[in-house]
Amino acid sequence: METTRDQVLRIVRQRRAATIAQIAAALEMSQAAIRRHLDGLRADGFVDVRFERHNVGRPALMFFATERGEEAAGHGYLQIVSRLFRHLDKMDANALEGMSGHDVLEFGLAGVAEEVAADHSDDVRGFTLAERVDEASRALKGEGILDGWEQEGKTFRLVNGDCPYLRLAEMSDAPCRSDRQSIELLVRAPVEQLQRIAAGGTICEYIVREPVSETRQKA
């Protein structure tokens, strides 16, 4: 179960930077209580603080997650690195000849996407796209890739509010594309990513549209 301290850290990560008042409002707690949790998180090296000047009023005291705080989001880093190493270890050295470091990363993360999808293929067996979206969302919640979805007509919106490997995703969008590919393989439909937390978005957001073939079958 998520503790109040964990909730405070999660909100700081999600917002990228937040004031005590913003966190207190989000958790419906007193600012004094939030300050105590932030003091503890800062002492343990999970958050730090900076002043931000605005056009009007006094500078705001903004709390942000440190690298240690980002990694505390869960086991996302360990999972993706372990899978990446397993995939690259299976490759023939000759296959890497002439590849740049970026190419190797791209190739490796494509393999990670396939492994994630394979690991959860038994969990996603729905006949309709709506069933597969629901099953995939629940399956990928444990991976830190998705935490919810909603349907608007023939369009499905899948979201994640807490990037499992933010620092890595800030350096390259390859992990994000790997996550998108995992979703695509599981729901068996094209997936478009609209927002990335690592690129400044408030959430990671994906859109899946019902293929014409499935729409015709229902008719």
Protein backbone atom coordinates (compact mmCIF):
# COMPACT_ATOMS: atom_id res chain seq x y z
CA MET A 1 0.00 0.00 0.00
CA GLU A 2 1.26 3.48 -0.89
CA THR A 3 2.22 5.52 2.16
CA THR A 4 1.70 9.28 2.45
CA ARG A 5 5.44 9.75 1.96
CA ASP A 6 5.23 7.70 -1.25
CA GLN A 7 2.27 9.79 -2.42
CA VAL A 8 4.19 13.01 -1.83
CA LEU A 9 7.15 11.73 -3.84
CA ARG A 10 4.86 10.50 -6.62
CA ILE A 11 3.21 13.91 -6.97
CA VAL A 12 6.58 15.65 -7.06
CA ARG A 13 7.71 13.28 -9.82
CA GLN A 14 4.51 13.66 -11.81
CA ARG A 15 4.52 17.46 -11.65
CA ARG A 16 8.28 17.62 -12.26
CA ALA A 17 8.34 20.37 -9.61
CA ALA A 18 5.72 21.32 -7.03
CA THR A 19 5.18 23.69 -4.13
CA ILE A 20 4.11 22.61 -0.68
CA ALA A 21 0.72 24.21 -1.30
CA GLN A 22 0.21 22.27 -4.55
CA ILE A 23 1.07 18.95 -2.92
CA ALA A 24 -1.11 19.71 0.11
CA ALA A 25 -4.06 20.53 -2.16
CA ALA A 26 -3.59 17.34 -4.20
CA LEU A 27 -3.52 15.15 -1.09
CA GLU A 28 -6.00 17.24 0.93
CA MET A 29 -3.56 17.55 3.80
CA SER A 30 -2.15 20.42 5.81
CA GLN A 31 0.92 22.18 4.50
CA ALA A 32 2.68 21.52 7.82
CA ALA A 33 2.24 17.75 7.35
CA ILE A 34 3.48 17.94 3.75
CA ARG A 35 6.50 19.96 4.85
CA ARG A 36 7.46 17.24 7.34
CA HIS A 37 7.34 14.57 4.64
CA LEU A 38 9.35 16.74 2.24
CA ASP A 39 11.96 17.42 4.92
CA GLY A 40 12.35 13.66 5.39
CA LEU A 41 12.51 12.99 1.67
CA ARG A 42 15.08 15.71 1.23
CA ALA A 43 17.21 14.38 4.10
CA ASP A 44 17.17 10.94 2.48
CA GLY A 45 18.16 12.37 -0.90
CA PHE A 46 14.88 11.72 -2.75
CA VAL A 47 13.95 15.37 -3.37
CA ASP A 48 15.69 18.71 -3.55
CA VAL A 49 14.48 22.28 -3.66
CA ARG A 50 15.02 25.43 -5.70
CA PHE A 51 13.57 28.93 -5.91
CA GLU A 52 11.66 29.92 -9.04
CA ARG A 53 11.00 33.57 -9.75
CA HIS A 54 7.72 34.64 -11.31
CA ASN A 55 6.58 37.97 -12.72
CA VAL A 56 4.50 38.75 -9.66
CA GLY A 57 5.08 38.01 -5.99
CA ARG A 58 7.82 36.31 -4.09
CA PRO A 59 9.94 33.49 -5.54
CA ALA A 60 8.26 30.11 -5.17
CA LEU A 61 9.94 27.26 -3.31
CA MET A 62 9.76 24.32 -5.74
CA PHE A 63 10.50 20.72 -4.77
CA PHE A 64 11.69 18.28 -7.43
CA ALA A 65 12.77 14.64 -7.46
CA THR A 66 16.46 13.81 -7.52
CA GLU A 67 17.81 10.95 -9.62
CA ARG A 68 17.43 8.71 -6.57
CA GLY A 69 13.85 9.88 -6.22
CA GLU A 70 13.11 9.10 -9.86
CA GLU A 71 14.55 5.62 -9.54
CA ALA A 72 12.41 5.04 -6.46
CA ALA A 73 9.36 5.09 -8.74
CA GLY A 74 9.54 1.32 -8.78
CA HIS A 75 11.40 -1.48 -10.47
CA GLY A 76 11.01 -0.01 -13.95
CA TYR A 77 14.71 0.70 -14.40
CA LEU A 78 15.71 -2.80 -13.29
CA GLN A 79 13.13 -4.43 -15.57
CA ILE A 80 14.05 -2.53 -18.71
CA VAL A 81 17.81 -2.87 -18.17
CA SER A 82 17.54 -6.60 -17.41
CA ARG A 83 15.46 -7.22 -20.50
CA LEU A 84 17.75 -5.10 -22.65
CA PHE A 85 20.84 -6.99 -21.52
CA ARG A 86 19.14 -10.36 -22.07
CA HIS A 87 18.17 -9.39 -25.59
CA LEU A 88 21.56 -7.98 -26.53
CA ASP A 89 23.32 -11.00 -25.01
CA LYS A 90 21.50 -13.27 -27.45
CA MET A 91 22.71 -11.30 -30.46
CA ASP A 92 25.56 -12.42 -32.65
CA ALA A 93 28.47 -9.98 -32.46
CA ASN A 94 28.50 -9.85 -36.25
CA ALA A 95 24.96 -8.51 -36.22
CA LEU A 96 26.17 -5.44 -34.34
CA GLU A 97 28.93 -4.66 -36.83
CA GLY A 98 28.54 -1.19 -38.29
CA MET A 99 25.83 -0.21 -35.83
CA SER A 100 26.10 3.00 -33.84
CA GLY A 101 25.36 3.00 -30.11
CA HIS A 102 21.98 4.56 -30.89
CA ASP A 103 21.20 1.82 -33.42
CA VAL A 104 22.06 -0.88 -30.87
CA LEU A 105 19.80 0.76 -28.30
CA GLU A 106 16.94 0.99 -30.80
CA PHE A 107 17.35 -2.64 -31.81
CA GLY A 108 17.60 -3.80 -28.21
CA LEU A 109 14.51 -1.91 -27.06
CA ALA A 110 12.50 -3.30 -29.97
CA GLY A 111 13.37 -6.70 -28.56
CA VAL A 112 12.32 -5.53 -25.09
CA ALA A 113 8.90 -4.55 -26.46
CA GLU A 114 8.47 -8.01 -27.96
CA GLU A 115 9.49 -9.66 -24.69
CA VAL A 116 7.06 -7.56 -22.64
CA ALA A 117 4.25 -8.42 -25.04
CA ALA A 118 5.17 -12.11 -24.97
CA ASP A 119 5.24 -12.13 -21.16
CA HIS A 120 1.64 -10.88 -21.07
CA SER A 121 0.20 -12.52 -24.17
CA ASP A 122 -1.76 -15.05 -22.08
CA ASP A 123 -3.36 -12.16 -20.17
CA VAL A 124 -4.69 -10.47 -23.32
CA ARG A 125 -7.06 -12.71 -25.25
CA GLY A 126 -10.09 -10.48 -25.79
CA PHE A 127 -12.09 -10.78 -28.99
CA THR A 128 -12.95 -7.08 -29.23
CA LEU A 129 -10.53 -4.18 -29.10
CA ALA A 130 -12.22 -2.88 -25.94
CA GLU A 131 -11.58 -6.20 -24.22
CA ARG A 132 -7.94 -6.24 -25.31
CA VAL A 133 -7.39 -2.62 -24.22
CA ASP A 134 -8.79 -3.43 -20.78
CA GLU A 135 -6.74 -6.61 -20.44
CA ALA A 136 -3.55 -4.97 -21.71
CA SER A 137 -3.97 -2.01 -19.35
CA ARG A 138 -4.30 -4.31 -16.37
CA ALA A 139 -1.40 -6.48 -17.52
CA LEU A 140 0.93 -3.51 -18.14
CA LYS A 141 0.09 -1.80 -14.87
CA GLY A 142 2.59 -4.06 -13.14
CA GLU A 143 5.22 -2.97 -15.67
CA GLY A 144 4.61 0.69 -14.85
CA ILE A 145 3.60 1.34 -18.47
CA LEU A 146 -0.13 2.03 -18.02
CA ASP A 147 -2.41 2.84 -15.13
CA GLY A 148 -5.78 3.50 -16.75
CA TRP A 149 -7.90 3.86 -19.88
CA GLU A 150 -11.19 5.27 -21.10
CA GLN A 151 -13.28 4.97 -24.25
CA GLU A 152 -14.65 7.82 -26.31
CA GLY A 153 -16.77 6.41 -29.14
CA LYS A 154 -14.47 4.27 -31.28
CA THR A 155 -11.33 5.75 -29.72
CA PHE A 156 -9.53 4.43 -26.65
CA ARG A 157 -7.32 6.66 -24.50
CA LEU A 158 -4.67 4.86 -22.45
CA VAL A 159 -2.69 6.78 -19.85
CA ASN A 160 0.15 6.52 -17.36
CA GLY A 161 0.74 9.16 -14.72
CA ASP A 162 4.19 8.16 -13.49
CA CYS A 163 7.00 7.33 -15.92
CA PRO A 164 8.87 4.23 -14.65
CA TYR A 165 12.23 5.39 -16.06
CA LEU A 166 12.02 9.15 -16.45
CA ARG A 167 15.75 9.95 -16.57
CA LEU A 168 16.34 7.38 -19.29
CA ALA A 169 13.33 8.59 -21.29
CA GLU A 170 14.59 12.17 -21.06
CA MET A 171 17.83 11.13 -22.79
CA SER A 172 16.10 9.18 -25.57
CA ASP A 173 12.53 8.55 -26.67
CA ALA A 174 13.45 4.95 -27.51
CA PRO A 175 12.06 3.57 -24.19
CA CYS A 176 8.78 5.38 -24.85
CA ARG A 177 8.56 3.92 -28.33
CA SER A 178 9.30 0.50 -26.85
CA ASP A 179 6.37 0.92 -24.44
CA ARG A 180 4.13 2.01 -27.32
CA GLN A 181 5.17 -1.04 -29.32
CA SER A 182 4.39 -3.34 -26.36
CA ILE A 183 0.88 -1.90 -26.16
CA GLU A 184 0.46 -2.20 -29.92
CA LEU A 185 1.49 -5.86 -29.94
CA LEU A 186 -0.93 -6.70 -27.13
CA VAL A 187 -4.00 -4.81 -28.36
CA ARG A 188 -3.27 -5.80 -31.98
CA ALA A 189 -4.05 -2.34 -33.33
CA PRO A 190 -2.05 0.79 -34.22
CA VAL A 191 -1.16 2.93 -31.20
CA GLU A 192 -0.31 6.63 -31.30
CA GLN A 193 1.47 8.37 -28.44
CA LEU A 194 0.20 11.92 -27.83
CA GLN A 195 2.06 12.93 -24.67
CA ARG A 196 5.28 11.94 -22.93
CA ILE A 197 6.06 12.89 -19.33
CA ALA A 198 9.74 12.93 -20.30
CA ALA A 199 8.97 15.59 -22.93
CA GLY A 200 7.10 17.82 -20.50
CA GLY A 201 3.64 16.26 -20.72
CA THR A 202 1.51 15.89 -17.61
CA ILE A 203 0.98 12.20 -18.43
CA CYS A 204 2.02 9.58 -20.94
CA GLU A 205 -0.98 9.32 -23.25
CA TYR A 206 -1.74 6.85 -26.02
CA ILE A 207 -4.61 6.66 -28.50
CA VAL A 208 -5.96 3.46 -30.06
CA ARG A 209 -8.67 3.64 -32.71
CA GLU A 210 -10.94 0.76 -33.54
CA PRO A 211 -9.97 -0.74 -36.92
CA VAL A 212 -12.57 -0.58 -39.67
CA SER A 213 -12.62 -4.40 -39.84
CA GLU A 214 -13.81 -4.72 -36.23
CA THR A 215 -16.41 -1.99 -36.72
CA ARG A 216 -17.83 -3.84 -39.73
CA GLN A 217 -17.92 -7.14 -37.82
CA LYS A 218 -20.07 -5.54 -35.11
CA ALA A 219 -22.42 -4.13 -37.72
